[in-house]
Each structure stands twice: as C-alpha cells, then as structure tokens.
Amino acid sequence: MTETKGRAAPRGQSAGGDHETIIVLADGTIHAQGILHRSPQTAAVRLGHVRAALTAAAIERQQSLLISTAHPDGRAEHQRITADGTLEPAVPPLPCRRPRARE
C-alpha cells in the first residue's frame, strides 16, 4: 500500500522539472514526488516501481529526466532517463554559485 503525504505532481508530470530526487529511508520507505511509498515489498521493488513511473513520464513527455537517489548509507546515485526510456548513469549538474555581492 502506498501512503500519500503532501502533493504529488499531476500524472505524467515531474514536480521538479527535469530533475527528480528519490530518497530511500532507513526503514525501506521510498520518498518521491511528495509521496511516501510503503508496502510489504522490498525497498528495491518499490524503487523499481518509482523509476518505472518516472520512465513512463519521460517517454510520454519526450523529455529526458535526471534522477538522484539518496540511500540510507549516504550513497547517492545519479541516472538519466532519456526521452526513449533508456536509463543510463549520469553526472549531476553542479550547483550554481554566484559571486558574493560587495558590501
């Protein structure tokens, strides 16, 4: 069973534009798009379901999507789903750093 907390993006749309963050909590719960995914299945199976839904959205929109997955042990995976649904490793973009304003 999936428990909903907060607002999710409309079906087929990404809440974060072209980048989604997935968080795997210590108890195996998956947090993605404002939804907590809990079920008797393993975390790996739930993570597969979330990635499948994001893949379907990328294909439907014909737009690539960067997925960052944070794991409880501190690892972070970055993958890109291409517009044709291919999942490939990716390097995340660096944060934008602006020069400090003079005071």
PDB file of N, CA and C in Angstrom:
ATOM      1  N   MET A   1       0.841  -1.168   0.000  1.00  0.00           N
ATOM      2  CA  MET A   1       0.000   0.000   0.000  1.00  0.00           C
ATOM      3  C   MET A   1       0.888   1.234   0.000  1.00  0.00           C
ATOM      4  N   THR A   2       0.516   2.240  -0.752  1.00  0.00           N
ATOM      5  CA  THR A   2       1.259   3.485  -0.812  1.00  0.00           C
ATOM      6  C   THR A   2       0.527   4.528   0.008  1.00  0.00           C
ATOM      7  N   GLU A   3       1.259   5.189   0.872  1.00  0.00           N
ATOM      8  CA  GLU A   3       0.695   6.245   1.700  1.00  0.00           C
ATOM      9  C   GLU A   3       1.061   7.578   1.091  1.00  0.00           C
ATOM     10  N   THR A   4       0.093   8.457   0.952  1.00  0.00           N
ATOM     11  CA  THR A   4       0.342   9.753   0.335  1.00  0.00           C
ATOM     12  C   THR A   4       0.503  10.817   1.404  1.00  0.00           C
ATOM     13  N   LYS A   5       1.553  11.589   1.303  1.00  0.00           N
ATOM     14  CA  LYS A   5       1.797  12.736   2.174  1.00  0.00           C
ATOM     15  C   LYS A   5       2.171  13.895   1.267  1.00  0.00           C
ATOM     16  N   GLY A   6       1.544  15.033   1.422  1.00  0.00           N
ATOM     17  CA  GLY A   6       1.888  16.188   0.603  1.00  0.00           C
ATOM     18  C   GLY A   6       1.243  16.083  -0.775  1.00  0.00           C
ATOM     19  N   ARG A   7       1.688  16.957  -1.674  1.00  0.00           N
ATOM     20  CA  ARG A   7       1.124  16.985  -3.018  1.00  0.00           C
ATOM     21  C   ARG A   7       2.093  16.385  -4.014  1.00  0.00           C
ATOM     22  N   ALA A   8       1.588  15.528  -4.828  1.00  0.00           N
ATOM     23  CA  ALA A   8       2.389  14.949  -5.907  1.00  0.00           C
ATOM     24  C   ALA A   8       2.101  15.722  -7.185  1.00  0.00           C
ATOM     25  N   ALA A   9       2.991  15.602  -8.129  1.00  0.00           N
ATOM     26  CA  ALA A   9       2.781  16.222  -9.436  1.00  0.00           C
ATOM     27  C   ALA A   9       1.649  15.495 -10.148  1.00  0.00           C
ATOM     28  N   PRO A  10       0.950  16.188 -11.050  1.00  0.00           N
ATOM     29  CA  PRO A  10      -0.086  15.513 -11.825  1.00  0.00           C
ATOM     30  C   PRO A  10       0.496  14.325 -12.578  1.00  0.00           C
ATOM     31  N   ARG A  11      -0.339  13.329 -12.846  1.00  0.00           N
ATOM     32  CA  ARG A  11       0.123  12.119 -13.521  1.00  0.00           C
ATOM     33  C   ARG A  11       0.866  12.471 -14.803  1.00  0.00           C
ATOM     34  N   GLY A  12       2.048  11.864 -14.946  1.00  0.00           N
ATOM     35  CA  GLY A  12       2.828  12.084 -16.163  1.00  0.00           C
ATOM     36  C   GLY A  12       3.672  13.340 -16.130  1.00  0.00           C
ATOM     37  N   GLN A  13       3.668  14.057 -14.991  1.00  0.00           N
ATOM     38  CA  GLN A  13       4.461  15.272 -14.913  1.00  0.00           C
ATOM     39  C   GLN A  13       5.434  15.173 -13.758  1.00  0.00           C
ATOM     40  N   SER A  14       6.557  15.790 -13.910  1.00  0.00           N
ATOM     41  CA  SER A  14       7.573  15.810 -12.877  1.00  0.00           C
ATOM     42  C   SER A  14       7.409  17.075 -12.055  1.00  0.00           C
ATOM     43  N   ALA A  15       7.417  16.933 -10.729  1.00  0.00           N
ATOM     44  CA  ALA A  15       7.274  18.102  -9.867  1.00  0.00           C
ATOM     45  C   ALA A  15       8.484  19.014  -9.971  1.00  0.00           C
ATOM     46  N   GLY A  16       9.655  18.443 -10.226  1.00  0.00           N
ATOM     47  CA  GLY A  16      10.883  19.236 -10.231  1.00  0.00           C
ATOM     48  C   GLY A  16      11.398  19.578 -11.610  1.00  0.00           C
ATOM     49  N   GLY A  17      10.564  19.560 -12.633  1.00  0.00           N
ATOM     50  CA  GLY A  17      11.025  19.874 -13.982  1.00  0.00           C
ATOM     51  C   GLY A  17      11.771  18.705 -14.584  1.00  0.00           C
ATOM     52  N   ASP A  18      13.076  18.874 -14.810  1.00  0.00           N
ATOM     53  CA  ASP A  18      13.842  17.796 -15.438  1.00  0.00           C
ATOM     54  C   ASP A  18      14.743  17.075 -14.440  1.00  0.00           C
ATOM     55  N   HIS A  19      14.493  17.225 -13.137  1.00  0.00           N
ATOM     56  CA  HIS A  19      15.289  16.557 -12.105  1.00  0.00           C
ATOM     57  C   HIS A  19      14.371  16.095 -10.979  1.00  0.00           C
ATOM     58  N   GLU A  20      14.467  14.825 -10.641  1.00  0.00           N
ATOM     59  CA  GLU A  20      13.686  14.256  -9.542  1.00  0.00           C
ATOM     60  C   GLU A  20      14.636  13.687  -8.506  1.00  0.00           C
ATOM     61  N   THR A  21      14.294  13.854  -7.252  1.00  0.00           N
ATOM     62  CA  THR A  21      15.067  13.285  -6.162  1.00  0.00           C
ATOM     63  C   THR A  21      14.251  12.189  -5.503  1.00  0.00           C
ATOM     64  N   ILE A  22      14.876  11.038  -5.316  1.00  0.00           N
ATOM     65  CA  ILE A  22      14.251   9.903  -4.640  1.00  0.00           C
ATOM     66  C   ILE A  22      15.062   9.647  -3.383  1.00  0.00           C
ATOM     67  N   ILE A  23      14.383   9.481  -2.259  1.00  0.00           N
ATOM     68  CA  ILE A  23      15.075   9.220  -1.002  1.00  0.00           C
ATOM     69  C   ILE A  23      14.636   7.857  -0.483  1.00  0.00           C
ATOM     70  N   VAL A  24      15.608   6.995  -0.218  1.00  0.00           N
ATOM     71  CA  VAL A  24      15.342   5.689   0.379  1.00  0.00           C
ATOM     72  C   VAL A  24      15.624   5.840   1.873  1.00  0.00           C
ATOM     73  N   LEU A  25      14.586   5.740   2.690  1.00  0.00           N
ATOM     74  CA  LEU A  25      14.733   5.896   4.129  1.00  0.00           C
ATOM     75  C   LEU A  25      15.254   4.611   4.763  1.00  0.00           C
ATOM     76  N   ALA A  26      15.736   4.711   5.986  1.00  0.00           N
ATOM     77  CA  ALA A  26      16.352   3.573   6.679  1.00  0.00           C
ATOM     78  C   ALA A  26      15.407   2.372   6.801  1.00  0.00           C
ATOM     79  N   ASP A  27      14.100   2.612   6.932  1.00  0.00           N
ATOM     80  CA  ASP A  27      13.146   1.502   7.064  1.00  0.00           C
ATOM     81  C   ASP A  27      12.717   0.932   5.716  1.00  0.00           C
ATOM     82  N   GLY A  28      13.295   1.441   4.614  1.00  0.00           N
ATOM     83  CA  GLY A  28      12.959   0.949   3.282  1.00  0.00           C
ATOM     84  C   GLY A  28      11.861   1.729   2.588  1.00  0.00           C
ATOM     85  N   THR A  29      11.267   2.695   3.280  1.00  0.00           N
ATOM     86  CA  THR A  29      10.259   3.551   2.667  1.00  0.00           C
ATOM     87  C   THR A  29      10.929   4.400   1.591  1.00  0.00           C
ATOM     88  N   ILE A  30      10.229   4.604   0.492  1.00  0.00           N
ATOM     89  CA  ILE A  30      10.734   5.423  -0.610  1.00  0.00           C
ATOM     90  C   ILE A  30       9.950   6.733  -0.614  1.00  0.00           C
ATOM     91  N   HIS A  31      10.662   7.855  -0.670  1.00  0.00           N
ATOM     92  CA  HIS A  31      10.020   9.162  -0.758  1.00  0.00           C
ATOM     93  C   HIS A  31      10.339   9.746  -2.124  1.00  0.00           C
ATOM     94  N   ALA A  32       9.306  10.011  -2.914  1.00  0.00           N
ATOM     95  CA  ALA A  32       9.484  10.593  -4.244  1.00  0.00           C
ATOM     96  C   ALA A  32       8.249  11.394  -4.612  1.00  0.00           C
ATOM     97  N   GLN A  33       8.442  12.556  -5.174  1.00  0.00           N
ATOM     98  CA  GLN A  33       7.367  13.429  -5.643  1.00  0.00           C
ATOM     99  C   GLN A  33       6.321  13.699  -4.563  1.00  0.00           C
ATOM    100  N   GLY A  34       6.745  13.845  -3.330  1.00  0.00           N
ATOM    101  CA  GLY A  34       5.817  14.152  -2.252  1.00  0.00           C
ATOM    102  C   GLY A  34       5.022  12.962  -1.753  1.00  0.00           C
ATOM    103  N   ILE A  35       5.374  11.774  -2.193  1.00  0.00           N
ATOM    104  CA  ILE A  35       4.639  10.566  -1.799  1.00  0.00           C
ATOM    105  C   ILE A  35       5.581   9.626  -1.058  1.00  0.00           C
ATOM    106  N   LEU A  36       5.102   9.050   0.055  1.00  0.00           N
ATOM    107  CA  LEU A  36       5.833   8.008   0.754  1.00  0.00           C
ATOM    108  C   LEU A  36       5.316   6.676   0.255  1.00  0.00           C
ATOM    109  N   HIS A  37       6.205   5.853  -0.263  1.00  0.00           N
ATOM    110  CA  HIS A  37       5.836   4.540  -0.798  1.00  0.00           C
ATOM    111  C   HIS A  37       6.200   3.476   0.236  1.00  0.00           C
ATOM    112  N   ARG A  38       5.172   2.894   0.846  1.00  0.00           N
ATOM    113  CA  ARG A  38       5.354   1.826   1.840  1.00  0.00           C
ATOM    114  C   ARG A  38       4.538   0.632   1.402  1.00  0.00           C
ATOM    115  N   SER A  39       5.112  -0.545   1.544  1.00  0.00           N
ATOM    116  CA  SER A  39       4.386  -1.770   1.226  1.00  0.00           C
ATOM    117  C   SER A  39       5.174  -2.941   1.783  1.00  0.00           C
ATOM    118  N   PRO A  40       4.601  -4.144   1.740  1.00  0.00           N
ATOM    119  CA  PRO A  40       5.337  -5.322   2.206  1.00  0.00           C
ATOM    120  C   PRO A  40       6.501  -5.702   1.286  1.00  0.00           C
ATOM    121  N   GLN A  41       6.554  -5.111   0.098  1.00  0.00           N
ATOM    122  CA  GLN A  41       7.626  -5.412  -0.854  1.00  0.00           C
ATOM    123  C   GLN A  41       8.949  -4.835  -0.352  1.00  0.00           C
ATOM    124  N   THR A  42      10.038  -5.299  -0.928  1.00  0.00           N
ATOM    125  CA  THR A  42      11.351  -4.773  -0.556  1.00  0.00           C
ATOM    126  C   THR A  42      11.526  -3.356  -1.087  1.00  0.00           C
ATOM    127  N   ALA A  43      12.502  -2.650  -0.514  1.00  0.00           N
ATOM    128  CA  ALA A  43      12.802  -1.297  -0.976  1.00  0.00           C
ATOM    129  C   ALA A  43      13.210  -1.305  -2.445  1.00  0.00           C
ATOM    130  N   ALA A  44      13.941  -2.340  -2.855  1.00  0.00           N
ATOM    131  CA  ALA A  44      14.383  -2.430  -4.253  1.00  0.00           C
ATOM    132  C   ALA A  44      13.189  -2.529  -5.201  1.00  0.00           C
ATOM    133  N   VAL A  45      12.171  -3.288  -4.821  1.00  0.00           N
ATOM    134  CA  VAL A  45      10.978  -3.425  -5.660  1.00  0.00           C
ATOM    135  C   VAL A  45      10.226  -2.100  -5.710  1.00  0.00           C
ATOM    136  N   ARG A  46      10.061  -1.443  -4.562  1.00  0.00           N
ATOM    137  CA  ARG A  46       9.370  -0.142  -4.537  1.00  0.00           C
ATOM    138  C   ARG A  46      10.145   0.887  -5.355  1.00  0.00           C
ATOM    139  N   LEU A  47      11.479   0.870  -5.238  1.00  0.00           N
ATOM    140  CA  LEU A  47      12.307   1.792  -6.015  1.00  0.00           C
ATOM    141  C   LEU A  47      12.130   1.533  -7.512  1.00  0.00           C
ATOM    142  N   GLY A  48      12.028   0.277  -7.892  1.00  0.00           N
ATOM    143  CA  GLY A  48      11.776  -0.076  -9.294  1.00  0.00           C
ATOM    144  C   GLY A  48      10.452   0.461  -9.795  1.00  0.00           C
ATOM    145  N   HIS A  49       9.423   0.416  -8.948  1.00  0.00           N
ATOM    146  CA  HIS A  49       8.109   0.954  -9.330  1.00  0.00           C
ATOM    147  C   HIS A  49       8.172   2.474  -9.540  1.00  0.00           C
ATOM    148  N   VAL A  50       8.881   3.166  -8.645  1.00  0.00           N
ATOM    149  CA  VAL A  50       9.011   4.618  -8.777  1.00  0.00           C
ATOM    150  C   VAL A  50       9.769   4.964 -10.053  1.00  0.00           C
ATOM    151  N   ARG A  51      10.874   4.270 -10.303  1.00  0.00           N
ATOM    152  CA  ARG A  51      11.646   4.530 -11.533  1.00  0.00           C
ATOM    153  C   ARG A  51      10.830   4.225 -12.780  1.00  0.00           C
ATOM    154  N   ALA A  52      10.007   3.185 -12.734  1.00  0.00           N
ATOM    155  CA  ALA A  52       9.154   2.843 -13.883  1.00  0.00           C
ATOM    156  C   ALA A  52       8.150   3.959 -14.154  1.00  0.00           C
ATOM    157  N   ALA A  53       7.567   4.521 -13.100  1.00  0.00           N
ATOM    158  CA  ALA A  53       6.607   5.622 -13.276  1.00  0.00           C
ATOM    159  C   ALA A  53       7.302   6.852 -13.852  1.00  0.00           C
ATOM    160  N   LEU A  54       8.507   7.152 -13.385  1.00  0.00           N
ATOM    161  CA  LEU A  54       9.248   8.293 -13.918  1.00  0.00           C
ATOM    162  C   LEU A  54       9.679   8.051 -15.358  1.00  0.00           C
ATOM    163  N   THR A  55      10.013   6.809 -15.693  1.00  0.00           N
ATOM    164  CA  THR A  55      10.359   6.461 -17.069  1.00  0.00           C
ATOM    165  C   THR A  55       9.159   6.672 -17.984  1.00  0.00           C
ATOM    166  N   ALA A  56       7.995   6.230 -17.531  1.00  0.00           N
ATOM    167  CA  ALA A  56       6.773   6.418 -18.329  1.00  0.00           C
ATOM    168  C   ALA A  56       6.499   7.903 -18.555  1.00  0.00           C
ATOM    169  N   ALA A  57       6.722   8.722 -17.531  1.00  0.00           N
ATOM    170  CA  ALA A  57       6.504  10.164 -17.668  1.00  0.00           C
ATOM    171  C   ALA A  57       7.490  10.778 -18.654  1.00  0.00           C
ATOM    172  N   ALA A  58       8.756  10.357 -18.607  1.00  0.00           N
ATOM    173  CA  ALA A  58       9.761  10.880 -19.535  1.00  0.00           C
ATOM    174  C   ALA A  58       9.414  10.524 -20.978  1.00  0.00           C
ATOM    175  N   ILE A  59       8.962   9.290 -21.185  1.00  0.00           N
ATOM    176  CA  ILE A  59       8.581   8.858 -22.534  1.00  0.00           C
ATOM    177  C   ILE A  59       7.361   9.631 -23.016  1.00  0.00           C
ATOM    178  N   GLU A  60       6.376   9.776 -22.144  1.00  0.00           N
ATOM    179  CA  GLU A  60       5.145  10.486 -22.514  1.00  0.00           C
ATOM    180  C   GLU A  60       5.432  11.936 -22.894  1.00  0.00           C
ATOM    181  N   ARG A  61       6.321  12.590 -22.147  1.00  0.00           N
ATOM    182  CA  ARG A  61       6.653  13.990 -22.416  1.00  0.00           C
ATOM    183  C   ARG A  61       7.735  14.143 -23.472  1.00  0.00           C
ATOM    184  N   GLN A  62       8.398  13.014 -23.840  1.00  0.00           N
ATOM    185  CA  GLN A  62       9.519  13.055 -24.788  1.00  0.00           C
ATOM    186  C   GLN A  62      10.594  14.023 -24.302  1.00  0.00           C
ATOM    187  N   GLN A  63      10.935  13.891 -23.007  1.00  0.00           N
ATOM    188  CA  GLN A  63      11.923  14.759 -22.387  1.00  0.00           C
ATOM    189  C   GLN A  63      12.774  13.928 -21.429  1.00  0.00           C
ATOM    190  N   SER A  64      14.079  14.140 -21.446  1.00  0.00           N
ATOM    191  CA  SER A  64      14.929  13.385 -20.529  1.00  0.00           C
ATOM    192  C   SER A  64      14.741  13.887 -19.101  1.00  0.00           C
ATOM    193  N   LEU A  65      15.091  13.031 -18.147  1.00  0.00           N
ATOM    194  CA  LEU A  65      14.867  13.324 -16.739  1.00  0.00           C
ATOM    195  C   LEU A  65      16.054  12.811 -15.937  1.00  0.00           C
ATOM    196  N   LEU A  66      16.638  13.664 -15.118  1.00  0.00           N
ATOM    197  CA  LEU A  66      17.722  13.265 -14.234  1.00  0.00           C
ATOM    198  C   LEU A  66      17.114  12.797 -12.918  1.00  0.00           C
ATOM    199  N   ILE A  67      17.543  11.625 -12.449  1.00  0.00           N
ATOM    200  CA  ILE A  67      17.062  11.079 -11.182  1.00  0.00           C
ATOM    201  C   ILE A  67      18.246  10.975 -10.229  1.00  0.00           C
ATOM    202  N   SER A  68      18.110  11.572  -9.047  1.00  0.00           N
ATOM    203  CA  SER A  68      19.109  11.427  -7.992  1.00  0.00           C
ATOM    204  C   SER A  68      18.470  10.603  -6.886  1.00  0.00           C
ATOM    205  N   THR A  69      19.117   9.498  -6.522  1.00  0.00           N
ATOM    206  CA  THR A  69      18.596   8.616  -5.484  1.00  0.00           C
ATOM    207  C   THR A  69      19.541   8.629  -4.301  1.00  0.00           C
ATOM    208  N   ALA A  70      19.026   9.030  -3.134  1.00  0.00           N
ATOM    209  CA  ALA A  70      19.806   9.061  -1.900  1.00  0.00           C
ATOM    210  C   ALA A  70      19.484   7.809  -1.093  1.00  0.00           C
ATOM    211  N   HIS A  71      20.523   7.092  -0.679  1.00  0.00           N
ATOM    212  CA  HIS A  71      20.362   5.848   0.077  1.00  0.00           C
ATOM    213  C   HIS A  71      20.687   6.087   1.553  1.00  0.00           C
ATOM    214  N   PRO A  72      20.159   5.244   2.441  1.00  0.00           N
ATOM    215  CA  PRO A  72      20.383   5.436   3.876  1.00  0.00           C
ATOM    216  C   PRO A  72      21.857   5.382   4.301  1.00  0.00           C
ATOM    217  N   ASP A  73      22.692   4.714   3.527  1.00  0.00           N
ATOM    218  CA  ASP A  73      24.107   4.609   3.888  1.00  0.00           C
ATOM    219  C   ASP A  73      24.932   5.811   3.411  1.00  0.00           C
ATOM    220  N   GLY A  74      24.259   6.818   2.844  1.00  0.00           N
ATOM    221  CA  GLY A  74      24.934   8.033   2.404  1.00  0.00           C
ATOM    222  C   GLY A  74      25.300   8.062   0.932  1.00  0.00           C
ATOM    223  N   ARG A  75      25.137   6.934   0.232  1.00  0.00           N
ATOM    224  CA  ARG A  75      25.423   6.901  -1.206  1.00  0.00           C
ATOM    225  C   ARG A  75      24.370   7.697  -1.960  1.00  0.00           C
ATOM    226  N   ALA A  76      24.781   8.245  -3.076  1.00  0.00           N
ATOM    227  CA  ALA A  76      23.844   8.912  -3.975  1.00  0.00           C
ATOM    228  C   ALA A  76      24.101   8.389  -5.385  1.00  0.00           C
ATOM    229  N   GLU A  77      23.034   7.958  -6.051  1.00  0.00           N
ATOM    230  CA  GLU A  77      23.123   7.501  -7.442  1.00  0.00           C
ATOM    231  C   GLU A  77      22.497   8.574  -8.320  1.00  0.00           C
ATOM    232  N   HIS A  78      23.058   8.768  -9.469  1.00  0.00           N
ATOM    233  CA  HIS A  78      22.507   9.724 -10.429  1.00  0.00           C
ATOM    234  C   HIS A  78      22.348   9.002 -11.757  1.00  0.00           C
ATOM    235  N   GLN A  79      21.139   9.024 -12.275  1.00  0.00           N
ATOM    236  CA  GLN A  79      20.837   8.371 -13.544  1.00  0.00           C
ATOM    237  C   GLN A  79      19.996   9.312 -14.391  1.00  0.00           C
ATOM    238  N   ARG A  80      20.109   9.145 -15.694  1.00  0.00           N
ATOM    239  CA  ARG A  80      19.287   9.920 -16.613  1.00  0.00           C
ATOM    240  C   ARG A  80      18.387   8.957 -17.356  1.00  0.00           C
ATOM    241  N   ILE A  81      17.106   9.319 -17.407  1.00  0.00           N
ATOM    242  CA  ILE A  81      16.150   8.596 -18.241  1.00  0.00           C
ATOM    243  C   ILE A  81      16.027   9.415 -19.512  1.00  0.00           C
ATOM    244  N   THR A  82      16.356   8.819 -20.639  1.00  0.00           N
ATOM    245  CA  THR A  82      16.268   9.535 -21.915  1.00  0.00           C
ATOM    246  C   THR A  82      14.807   9.568 -22.378  1.00  0.00           C
ATOM    247  N   ALA A  83      14.554  10.366 -23.391  1.00  0.00           N
ATOM    248  CA  ALA A  83      13.194  10.509 -23.912  1.00  0.00           C
ATOM    249  C   ALA A  83      12.637   9.199 -24.459  1.00  0.00           C
ATOM    250  N   ASP A  84      13.527   8.246 -24.789  1.00  0.00           N
ATOM    251  CA  ASP A  84      13.050   6.952 -25.281  1.00  0.00           C
ATOM    252  C   ASP A  84      12.947   5.911 -24.155  1.00  0.00           C
ATOM    253  N   GLY A  85      13.220   6.328 -22.895  1.00  0.00           N
ATOM    254  CA  GLY A  85      13.064   5.421 -21.766  1.00  0.00           C
ATOM    255  C   GLY A  85      14.314   4.684 -21.340  1.00  0.00           C
ATOM    256  N   THR A  86      15.456   4.976 -21.972  1.00  0.00           N
ATOM    257  CA  THR A  86      16.708   4.331 -21.596  1.00  0.00           C
ATOM    258  C   THR A  86      17.214   4.929 -20.281  1.00  0.00           C
ATOM    259  N   LEU A  87      17.639   4.079 -19.359  1.00  0.00           N
ATOM    260  CA  LEU A  87      18.191   4.514 -18.077  1.00  0.00           C
ATOM    261  C   LEU A  87      19.707   4.380 -18.152  1.00  0.00           C
ATOM    262  N   GLU A  88      20.417   5.502 -17.943  1.00  0.00           N
ATOM    263  CA  GLU A  88      21.872   5.472 -18.037  1.00  0.00           C
ATOM    264  C   GLU A  88      22.483   6.257 -16.878  1.00  0.00           C
ATOM    265  N   PRO A  89      23.719   5.898 -16.467  1.00  0.00           N
ATOM    266  CA  PRO A  89      24.380   6.654 -15.401  1.00  0.00           C
ATOM    267  C   PRO A  89      24.566   8.106 -15.829  1.00  0.00           C
ATOM    268  N   ALA A  90      24.560   9.006 -14.871  1.00  0.00           N
ATOM    269  CA  ALA A  90      24.703  10.426 -15.190  1.00  0.00           C
ATOM    270  C   ALA A  90      25.518  11.121 -14.111  1.00  0.00           C
ATOM    271  N   VAL A  91      26.076  12.244 -14.476  1.00  0.00           N
ATOM    272  CA  VAL A  91      26.766  13.106 -13.530  1.00  0.00           C
ATOM    273  C   VAL A  91      25.836  14.275 -13.261  1.00  0.00           C
ATOM    274  N   PRO A  92      25.531  14.538 -11.978  1.00  0.00           N
ATOM    275  CA  PRO A  92      24.599  15.626 -11.694  1.00  0.00           C
ATOM    276  C   PRO A  92      25.221  16.984 -12.009  1.00  0.00           C
ATOM    277  N   PRO A  93      24.401  17.966 -12.325  1.00  0.00           N
ATOM    278  CA  PRO A  93      24.944  19.302 -12.586  1.00  0.00           C
ATOM    279  C   PRO A  93      25.461  19.915 -11.289  1.00  0.00           C
ATOM    280  N   LEU A  94      26.480  20.734 -11.407  1.00  0.00           N
ATOM    281  CA  LEU A  94      27.000  21.421 -10.234  1.00  0.00           C
ATOM    282  C   LEU A  94      26.056  22.544  -9.835  1.00  0.00           C
ATOM    283  N   PRO A  95      25.968  22.841  -8.543  1.00  0.00           N
ATOM    284  CA  PRO A  95      25.096  23.943  -8.128  1.00  0.00           C
ATOM    285  C   PRO A  95      25.604  25.267  -8.688  1.00  0.00           C
ATOM    286  N   CYS A  96      24.695  26.145  -8.969  1.00  0.00           N
ATOM    287  CA  CYS A  96      25.042  27.467  -9.497  1.00  0.00           C
ATOM    288  C   CYS A  96      25.585  28.316  -8.342  1.00  0.00           C
ATOM    289  N   ARG A  97      26.787  28.802  -8.510  1.00  0.00           N
ATOM    290  CA  ARG A  97      27.382  29.653  -7.475  1.00  0.00           C
ATOM    291  C   ARG A  97      27.570  31.055  -8.057  1.00  0.00           C
ATOM    292  N   ARG A  98      26.996  31.982  -7.378  1.00  0.00           N
ATOM    293  CA  ARG A  98      27.096  33.367  -7.843  1.00  0.00           C
ATOM    294  C   ARG A  98      28.131  34.097  -6.997  1.00  0.00           C
ATOM    295  N   PRO A  99      28.806  35.060  -7.593  1.00  0.00           N
ATOM    296  CA  PRO A  99      29.776  35.820  -6.801  1.00  0.00           C
ATOM    297  C   PRO A  99      29.079  36.584  -5.672  1.00  0.00           C
ATOM    298  N   ARG A 100      29.757  36.707  -4.558  1.00  0.00           N
ATOM    299  CA  ARG A 100      29.190  37.421  -3.421  1.00  0.00           C
ATOM    300  C   ARG A 100      29.090  38.905  -3.741  1.00  0.00           C
ATOM    301  N   ALA A 101      28.017  39.508  -3.294  1.00  0.00           N
ATOM    302  CA  ALA A 101      27.825  40.945  -3.508  1.00  0.00           C
ATOM    303  C   ALA A 101      28.788  41.727  -2.627  1.00  0.00           C
ATOM    304  N   ARG A 102      29.324  42.788  -3.173  1.00  0.00           N
ATOM    305  CA  ARG A 102      30.216  43.656  -2.385  1.00  0.00           C
ATOM    306  C   ARG A 102      29.366  44.438  -1.408  1.00  0.00           C
ATOM    307  N   GLU A 103      29.905  44.582  -0.222  1.00  0.00           N
ATOM    308  CA  GLU A 103      29.156  45.344   0.794  1.00  0.00           C
ATOM    309  C   GLU A 103      29.849  46.620   1.118  1.00  0.00           C
TER     310      GLU A 103
END
